Amino acid sequence: MKRVLFLCSQPFFQWRGSPIRVGFDVSALAESGWEVDLLTLPLGEPRSIPGVNIIRIPNLFRARAISIGPSLLKALFDILILFKAISLARKRGYAVIHTVEDTGPIGVLVARLFRARLVFEKHSDPSSYHGRSLRNLVMWAYAKVERFAARHADAVIGTGPGLVAQVKALNTGKPVHHIPDIPSSRIEADPARTAAMRQRLQSAPDDILALYVGSFAAYQGIELLFDTIPRVVSANPKVRFIIIGGSDAEVRDRTTQLRRNGAESAVIWAGHVSPDVLPDYLAAADILLSPRLAGVNTPLKLLDYLKAGRAIVATDTPANRLILNETNACLTPPSAEAYAGGILTLAADPKHRQALASQGAELIRTVYNFAEFKRRISTCYAVLFPFNH
């Protein structure tokens, strides 16, 4: 019997890091011969995955959306996940309970009650989400919850080397596996769609397109980005910026900021783009932007950037350095002046852009791809059942 109950207190499916990762997790498990039940929230886009039974808890709270990170609403949903997980485990007899982030303690309880193996998957570093005192207190408690789950798991998966190091520092004696993220879609860019999109985004054939994708959270370096744009546009009006992400309110605020600095017309707001359409946007650009300032995990956007085969300008910070270096990206100090300089340098040098892009594409071919992801997941599960392999 190869049954796994996968617990995910995230909207599924939704265009953001954890749900994207969960989709790859359950696909890899199903393709490796596991019968997968994915227990998740009553939120998100419908999605069918071969070999995966998606089970949603009832929407007793009539929620239409849920914020990233801990919240009262998520805690209430977690209670429903707990009771549904117990019911399913009693009927289905799972060999493995696979948990993600805040569902870890739920997994600990269910696995112990029904003598299943427990896998805990760590996607982020709570210390990266700084805010006011109350939020910092919540994130401190959230970190405690994660440590509890990691200590009681039979195996832990970390999505980046920094997260793996955090878990290993707990000295649990249990295996800790580094299974890095991969590009957010297995879809390849279509040349015809890419060409049409580039033509639509350019105001003139010789425009240079610089693209950012991601949230407007402080750790993403969003202040740095919008301080950079007027500097670049002032020095080279041929550079146009495409921004993917941000809420309506955030876009309005940043548009006002750009208007004050005379750079409003140089920015195109693309809104939220699905992972399966994103490759065409990225391939249509000349330069891809990662102004990240904080965190110990690889920014998911970098993997999509590398797959697109386009040059990257990134801040020289630990998160970006996890997979970028001087051979595959233009790295700059985290200041608006320096970051603008990096963009302007690449805008003027198409040969250098191509050389960086070629080096980055090699990483996707050898490490950050679905086949390697599936192999590592299979290795993690094989360690749980050594006598069956």
Protein backbone atom coordinates (compact mmCIF):
# COMPACT_ATOMS: atom_id res chain seq x y z
CA MET A 1 0.00 0.00 0.00
CA LYS A 2 1.50 3.31 -1.10
CA ARG A 3 -0.92 5.96 0.11
CA VAL A 4 0.04 9.45 1.23
CA LEU A 5 -2.09 12.17 2.78
CA PHE A 6 -0.72 15.56 1.81
CA LEU A 7 -1.82 18.45 4.06
CA CYS A 8 -1.77 21.97 2.66
CA SER A 9 -3.37 24.99 4.37
CA GLN A 10 -2.90 27.15 1.27
CA PRO A 11 -5.35 28.02 -1.49
CA PHE A 12 -4.96 25.44 -4.22
CA PHE A 13 -4.35 26.30 -6.89
CA GLN A 14 -3.05 29.84 -6.62
CA TRP A 15 -0.18 31.69 -8.25
CA ARG A 16 2.24 31.93 -5.34
CA GLY A 17 5.18 29.98 -3.99
CA SER A 18 3.77 27.28 -1.72
CA PRO A 19 0.77 26.22 -3.86
CA ILE A 20 3.05 26.01 -6.91
CA ARG A 21 5.49 23.86 -4.97
CA VAL A 22 2.69 21.65 -3.60
CA GLY A 23 1.47 21.03 -7.14
CA PHE A 24 4.90 19.72 -8.10
CA ASP A 25 5.13 17.66 -4.88
CA VAL A 26 1.90 15.77 -5.46
CA SER A 27 2.58 15.35 -9.19
CA ALA A 28 6.00 13.87 -8.45
CA LEU A 29 4.57 11.50 -5.84
CA ALA A 30 1.77 10.35 -8.14
CA GLU A 31 4.19 9.78 -11.01
CA SER A 32 6.39 7.77 -8.64
CA GLY A 33 3.58 5.33 -7.87
CA TRP A 34 2.01 6.86 -4.77
CA GLU A 35 -1.75 7.17 -4.33
CA VAL A 36 -2.09 10.79 -3.22
CA ASP A 37 -4.89 12.52 -1.32
CA LEU A 38 -4.32 16.29 -1.16
CA LEU A 39 -6.29 17.84 1.69
CA THR A 40 -6.48 21.59 1.27
CA LEU A 41 -8.53 24.76 1.69
CA PRO A 42 -11.86 25.49 -0.08
CA LEU A 43 -10.10 28.32 -1.93
CA GLY A 44 -8.16 28.58 -5.17
CA GLU A 45 -8.60 27.70 -8.81
CA PRO A 46 -9.86 24.22 -9.71
CA ARG A 47 -7.04 22.01 -10.90
CA SER A 48 -6.91 18.39 -12.02
CA ILE A 49 -3.68 16.43 -11.47
CA PRO A 50 -3.42 12.83 -12.73
CA GLY A 51 -3.23 10.38 -9.82
CA VAL A 52 -4.10 13.01 -7.20
CA ASN A 53 -7.41 13.18 -5.33
CA ILE A 54 -7.96 16.80 -4.24
CA ILE A 55 -10.12 17.02 -1.12
CA ARG A 56 -11.30 20.39 0.20
CA ILE A 57 -12.53 21.17 3.69
CA PRO A 58 -15.89 23.00 3.82
CA ASN A 59 -15.89 26.78 3.69
CA LEU A 60 -17.72 27.26 6.97
CA PHE A 61 -16.31 30.78 7.32
CA ARG A 62 -17.40 31.92 3.84
CA ALA A 63 -13.87 33.07 3.08
CA ARG A 64 -13.07 34.40 -0.38
CA ALA A 65 -9.33 34.84 0.11
CA ILE A 66 -6.63 34.26 2.71
CA SER A 67 -3.45 36.20 3.34
CA ILE A 68 0.08 34.80 3.15
CA GLY A 69 1.43 33.71 6.53
CA PRO A 70 -0.25 33.00 9.88
CA SER A 71 -3.71 34.41 10.56
CA LEU A 72 -6.79 33.71 12.66
CA LEU A 73 -8.66 32.52 9.58
CA LYS A 74 -5.90 30.08 8.70
CA ALA A 75 -5.88 28.78 12.28
CA LEU A 76 -9.62 28.13 12.07
CA PHE A 77 -9.19 26.31 8.77
CA ASP A 78 -6.37 24.28 10.32
CA ILE A 79 -8.82 22.97 12.91
CA LEU A 80 -11.07 21.73 10.11
CA ILE A 81 -8.06 20.19 8.36
CA LEU A 82 -7.19 18.35 11.58
CA PHE A 83 -10.62 16.73 11.95
CA LYS A 84 -10.85 15.86 8.26
CA ALA A 85 -7.32 14.40 8.29
CA ILE A 86 -8.21 12.16 11.25
CA SER A 87 -11.34 10.98 9.45
CA LEU A 88 -9.46 10.23 6.26
CA ALA A 89 -6.59 8.48 8.03
CA ARG A 90 -9.03 6.24 9.91
CA LYS A 91 -10.62 5.13 6.64
CA ARG A 92 -7.67 5.12 4.26
CA GLY A 93 -4.71 3.85 6.30
CA TYR A 94 -1.98 6.11 4.93
CA ALA A 95 1.66 5.08 4.98
CA VAL A 96 2.83 8.71 4.98
CA ILE A 97 1.46 12.03 6.19
CA HIS A 98 3.19 14.81 4.24
CA THR A 99 2.83 18.27 5.78
CA VAL A 100 3.76 21.78 4.74
CA GLU A 101 4.63 24.59 7.17
CA ASP A 102 1.79 25.27 9.66
CA THR A 103 0.13 21.88 9.04
CA GLY A 104 3.19 20.27 10.64
CA PRO A 105 1.69 19.86 14.14
CA ILE A 106 -1.49 18.42 12.60
CA GLY A 107 0.66 15.88 10.81
CA VAL A 108 2.49 15.02 14.03
CA LEU A 109 -0.79 14.15 15.74
CA VAL A 110 -2.32 12.22 12.83
CA ALA A 111 0.86 10.29 12.10
CA ARG A 112 1.21 9.22 15.73
CA LEU A 113 -2.46 8.25 16.04
CA PHE A 114 -2.38 6.07 12.95
CA ARG A 115 1.27 4.94 12.95
CA ALA A 116 2.19 6.61 9.70
CA ARG A 117 5.52 8.14 8.74
CA LEU A 118 5.68 11.92 8.84
CA VAL A 119 7.34 14.20 6.30
CA PHE A 120 7.56 17.89 7.16
CA GLU A 121 8.32 20.36 4.38
CA LYS A 122 9.74 23.80 5.18
CA HIS A 123 9.18 26.47 2.54
CA SER A 124 10.21 29.72 4.19
CA ASP A 125 12.05 31.44 7.00
CA PRO A 126 9.63 33.13 9.43
CA SER A 127 12.32 35.62 10.45
CA SER A 128 12.18 37.12 6.94
CA TYR A 129 8.68 38.49 7.52
CA HIS A 130 9.42 41.50 9.67
CA GLY A 131 6.71 43.97 10.66
CA ARG A 132 5.24 45.61 13.68
CA SER A 133 5.58 44.17 17.17
CA LEU A 134 2.44 42.03 16.99
CA ARG A 135 3.41 40.52 13.66
CA ASN A 136 6.93 39.81 14.91
CA LEU A 137 5.43 38.03 17.91
CA VAL A 138 3.18 35.95 15.65
CA MET A 139 6.11 34.99 13.43
CA TRP A 140 8.16 34.03 16.51
CA ALA A 141 5.35 31.69 17.56
CA TYR A 142 5.09 30.39 14.00
CA ALA A 143 8.80 29.55 14.05
CA LYS A 144 8.24 27.59 17.27
CA VAL A 145 5.48 25.59 15.56
CA GLU A 146 7.79 24.77 12.67
CA ARG A 147 10.57 23.64 14.99
CA PHE A 148 8.12 21.37 16.82
CA ALA A 149 7.09 19.73 13.56
CA ALA A 150 10.69 19.35 12.39
CA ARG A 151 11.73 17.67 15.66
CA HIS A 152 8.91 15.09 15.43
CA ALA A 153 9.09 14.34 11.71
CA ASP A 154 10.62 11.17 10.29
CA ALA A 155 12.12 13.24 7.48
CA VAL A 156 12.30 16.96 6.72
CA ILE A 157 12.45 18.63 3.32
CA GLY A 158 13.94 22.10 2.97
CA THR A 159 13.52 24.05 -0.25
CA GLY A 160 16.82 25.91 0.13
CA PRO A 161 20.22 25.36 1.77
CA GLY A 162 19.52 28.05 4.38
CA LEU A 163 16.33 26.29 5.48
CA VAL A 164 18.10 22.93 5.53
CA ALA A 165 20.81 24.43 7.75
CA GLN A 166 18.16 25.76 10.15
CA VAL A 167 16.64 22.30 10.52
CA LYS A 168 19.99 20.54 10.86
CA ALA A 169 20.89 22.93 13.67
CA LEU A 170 18.08 21.34 15.70
CA ASN A 171 20.12 18.09 15.82
CA THR A 172 17.08 15.83 15.54
CA GLY A 173 19.04 12.91 14.13
CA LYS A 174 16.43 12.53 11.38
CA PRO A 175 17.24 12.90 7.68
CA VAL A 176 16.98 16.39 6.20
CA HIS A 177 16.67 16.58 2.42
CA HIS A 178 17.43 19.56 0.23
CA ILE A 179 14.89 19.50 -2.60
CA PRO A 180 15.14 22.86 -4.32
CA ASP A 181 12.28 24.61 -6.06
CA ILE A 182 11.99 24.44 -9.81
CA PRO A 183 10.50 26.89 -12.33
CA SER A 184 6.84 27.55 -11.58
CA SER A 185 5.58 25.98 -14.80
CA ARG A 186 6.62 23.03 -16.93
CA ILE A 187 5.24 24.90 -19.95
CA GLU A 188 7.84 26.28 -22.36
CA ALA A 189 7.59 29.73 -23.93
CA ASP A 190 5.97 29.73 -27.36
CA PRO A 191 8.00 31.74 -29.92
CA ALA A 192 4.94 33.11 -31.73
CA ARG A 193 3.22 34.21 -28.52
CA THR A 194 6.46 35.65 -27.20
CA ALA A 195 7.05 37.71 -30.33
CA ALA A 196 3.49 39.05 -30.27
CA MET A 197 3.78 39.93 -26.60
CA ARG A 198 7.09 41.72 -27.10
CA GLN A 199 5.60 43.79 -29.89
CA ARG A 200 2.68 44.72 -27.64
CA LEU A 201 4.91 45.73 -24.73
CA GLN A 202 7.34 47.84 -26.75
CA SER A 203 6.52 51.38 -27.80
CA ALA A 204 9.35 51.20 -30.37
CA PRO A 205 11.33 48.27 -31.84
CA ASP A 206 14.55 49.26 -30.06
CA ASP A 207 13.01 49.47 -26.58
CA ILE A 208 14.75 47.42 -23.86
CA LEU A 209 12.25 45.56 -21.67
CA ALA A 210 13.14 45.07 -17.99
CA LEU A 211 10.68 42.86 -16.11
CA TYR A 212 9.95 42.24 -12.43
CA VAL A 213 7.64 39.52 -11.15
CA GLY A 214 6.66 39.01 -7.51
CA SER A 215 4.84 40.42 -4.54
CA PHE A 216 5.27 43.95 -3.21
CA ALA A 217 6.50 42.74 0.20
CA ALA A 218 9.36 44.73 1.74
CA TYR A 219 11.81 41.81 1.69
CA GLN A 220 11.44 41.62 -2.09
CA GLY A 221 13.24 44.97 -2.37
CA ILE A 222 10.20 46.73 -3.77
CA GLU A 223 11.26 50.15 -2.42
CA LEU A 224 14.64 49.70 -4.06
CA LEU A 225 13.00 48.80 -7.36
CA PHE A 226 10.76 51.85 -7.50
CA ASP A 227 13.59 54.14 -6.41
CA THR A 228 15.65 52.63 -9.25
CA ILE A 229 13.16 53.07 -12.10
CA PRO A 230 13.33 56.90 -12.38
CA ARG A 231 17.14 56.79 -12.36
CA VAL A 232 17.22 54.30 -15.23
CA VAL A 233 14.58 56.06 -17.31
CA SER A 234 16.32 59.40 -16.87
CA ALA A 235 19.61 57.93 -18.17
CA ASN A 236 18.12 55.74 -20.91
CA PRO A 237 14.51 56.46 -22.00
CA LYS A 238 14.54 53.32 -24.14
CA VAL A 239 14.25 51.12 -21.07
CA ARG A 240 10.66 50.16 -20.26
CA PHE A 241 9.64 48.31 -17.10
CA ILE A 242 7.02 45.57 -16.92
CA ILE A 243 5.73 44.82 -13.42
CA ILE A 244 3.90 41.54 -12.74
CA GLY A 245 2.26 41.37 -9.32
CA GLY A 246 0.91 43.73 -6.70
CA SER A 247 -2.62 44.42 -5.51
CA ASP A 248 -4.77 47.18 -7.02
CA ALA A 249 -4.04 49.42 -4.02
CA GLU A 250 -0.30 48.76 -4.23
CA VAL A 251 -0.27 49.54 -7.94
CA ARG A 252 -2.13 52.81 -7.35
CA ASP A 253 0.35 53.86 -4.67
CA ARG A 254 3.37 53.05 -6.84
CA THR A 255 1.84 54.77 -9.86
CA THR A 256 1.52 57.95 -7.78
CA GLN A 257 5.17 57.61 -6.73
CA LEU A 258 6.30 57.17 -10.34
CA ARG A 259 4.21 60.13 -11.47
CA ARG A 260 5.92 62.36 -8.92
CA ASN A 261 9.29 61.24 -10.30
CA GLY A 262 8.36 61.62 -13.96
CA ALA A 263 8.59 57.89 -14.76
CA GLU A 264 4.96 56.81 -14.91
CA SER A 265 4.90 56.32 -18.69
CA ALA A 266 7.91 53.97 -18.56
CA VAL A 267 6.06 51.30 -16.55
CA ILE A 268 3.56 48.72 -17.77
CA TRP A 269 1.43 47.00 -15.13
CA ALA A 270 0.69 43.42 -16.18
CA GLY A 271 -1.23 42.42 -13.03
CA HIS A 272 -1.17 38.80 -11.96
CA VAL A 273 -0.09 36.29 -14.60
CA SER A 274 -0.64 32.54 -14.34
CA PRO A 275 2.45 30.31 -14.22
CA ASP A 276 1.57 28.77 -17.57
CA VAL A 277 1.47 32.20 -19.28
CA LEU A 278 4.47 33.63 -17.41
CA PRO A 279 7.13 31.94 -19.63
CA ASP A 280 5.96 34.00 -22.61
CA TYR A 281 6.25 37.26 -20.65
CA LEU A 282 9.73 36.41 -19.40
CA ALA A 283 10.98 35.36 -22.82
CA ALA A 284 9.66 38.63 -24.26
CA ALA A 285 11.90 40.66 -21.92
CA ASP A 286 15.56 41.58 -22.29
CA ILE A 287 16.42 41.93 -18.60
CA LEU A 288 14.83 40.26 -15.56
CA LEU A 289 14.94 41.87 -12.12
CA SER A 290 15.47 40.45 -8.63
CA PRO A 291 16.02 43.30 -6.12
CA ARG A 292 15.53 40.93 -3.16
CA LEU A 293 16.87 42.23 0.17
CA ALA A 294 16.14 39.56 2.80
CA GLY A 295 15.55 35.85 3.32
CA VAL A 296 17.55 32.62 3.30
CA ASN A 297 15.62 30.82 0.58
CA THR A 298 16.05 31.01 -3.17
CA PRO A 299 13.51 33.43 -4.71
CA LEU A 300 11.23 31.30 -6.86
CA LYS A 301 11.25 33.96 -9.55
CA LEU A 302 14.95 33.32 -10.20
CA LEU A 303 14.21 29.81 -11.44
CA ASP A 304 11.63 31.12 -13.89
CA TYR A 305 14.13 33.78 -14.94
CA LEU A 306 16.89 31.24 -15.60
CA LYS A 307 14.52 29.00 -17.54
CA ALA A 308 13.51 31.96 -19.73
CA GLY A 309 17.09 32.35 -20.97
CA ARG A 310 17.27 36.06 -20.25
CA ALA A 311 19.87 38.14 -18.40
CA ILE A 312 19.24 38.87 -14.71
CA VAL A 313 20.11 41.93 -12.64
CA ALA A 314 20.02 40.97 -8.96
CA THR A 315 21.05 42.52 -5.68
CA ASP A 316 24.15 40.92 -4.20
CA THR A 317 22.35 39.42 -1.20
CA PRO A 318 22.48 35.94 0.38
CA ALA A 319 19.10 34.87 -1.05
CA ASN A 320 20.09 35.75 -4.62
CA ARG A 321 23.60 34.32 -4.14
CA LEU A 322 22.16 30.86 -3.45
CA ILE A 323 22.03 30.18 -7.19
CA LEU A 324 23.41 33.32 -8.83
CA ASN A 325 27.00 34.46 -9.27
CA GLU A 326 28.99 36.70 -11.58
CA THR A 327 28.93 34.13 -14.39
CA ASN A 328 25.13 33.94 -14.72
CA ALA A 329 23.87 37.33 -13.48
CA CYS A 330 24.77 40.97 -12.99
CA LEU A 331 25.02 41.36 -9.21
CA THR A 332 24.98 44.82 -7.66
CA PRO A 333 25.04 46.30 -4.15
CA PRO A 334 21.51 46.82 -2.75
CA SER A 335 21.25 50.54 -3.46
CA ALA A 336 19.15 52.34 -6.06
CA GLU A 337 22.20 53.93 -7.66
CA ALA A 338 24.07 50.64 -8.01
CA TYR A 339 21.02 48.67 -9.13
CA ALA A 340 20.23 51.27 -11.78
CA GLY A 341 23.84 51.02 -12.94
CA GLY A 342 23.50 47.27 -13.42
CA ILE A 343 20.34 47.65 -15.50
CA LEU A 344 21.89 50.39 -17.63
CA THR A 345 25.04 48.35 -18.21
CA LEU A 346 23.11 45.34 -19.51
CA ALA A 347 20.73 47.51 -21.50
CA ALA A 348 23.72 48.74 -23.50
CA ASP A 349 25.41 45.34 -23.98
CA PRO A 350 23.34 42.63 -25.72
CA LYS A 351 26.33 40.25 -26.01
CA HIS A 352 26.87 40.31 -22.26
CA ARG A 353 23.17 39.71 -21.73
CA GLN A 354 23.33 36.60 -23.91
CA ALA A 355 26.44 35.26 -22.19
CA LEU A 356 24.82 35.53 -18.75
CA ALA A 357 21.58 33.96 -19.99
CA SER A 358 23.39 30.96 -21.48
CA GLN A 359 25.14 30.19 -18.19
CA GLY A 360 21.86 30.43 -16.29
CA ALA A 361 20.03 28.08 -18.66
CA GLU A 362 22.60 25.39 -17.91
CA LEU A 363 21.51 25.35 -14.25
CA ILE A 364 17.96 24.56 -15.29
CA ARG A 365 19.11 21.76 -17.57
CA THR A 366 21.22 20.04 -14.91
CA VAL A 367 19.64 20.79 -11.50
CA TYR A 368 16.43 22.81 -11.37
CA ASN A 369 14.03 20.69 -13.41
CA PHE A 370 11.09 18.38 -12.72
CA ALA A 371 12.94 15.13 -13.42
CA GLU A 372 15.55 15.95 -10.78
CA PHE A 373 12.84 17.18 -8.40
CA LYS A 374 10.97 13.88 -8.71
CA ARG A 375 14.19 11.90 -8.16
CA ARG A 376 14.89 13.74 -4.92
CA ILE A 377 11.33 13.27 -3.63
CA SER A 378 11.61 9.55 -4.36
CA THR A 379 14.92 9.39 -2.48
CA CYS A 380 13.33 11.05 0.56
CA TYR A 381 10.49 8.52 0.63
CA ALA A 382 12.84 5.60 0.04
CA VAL A 383 14.68 6.54 3.24
CA LEU A 384 11.39 6.23 5.15
CA PHE A 385 10.91 2.64 4.00
CA PRO A 386 14.42 1.19 3.53
CA PHE A 387 13.29 -2.43 3.51
CA ASN A 388 10.89 -1.86 0.63
CA HIS A 389 13.55 -0.58 -1.78
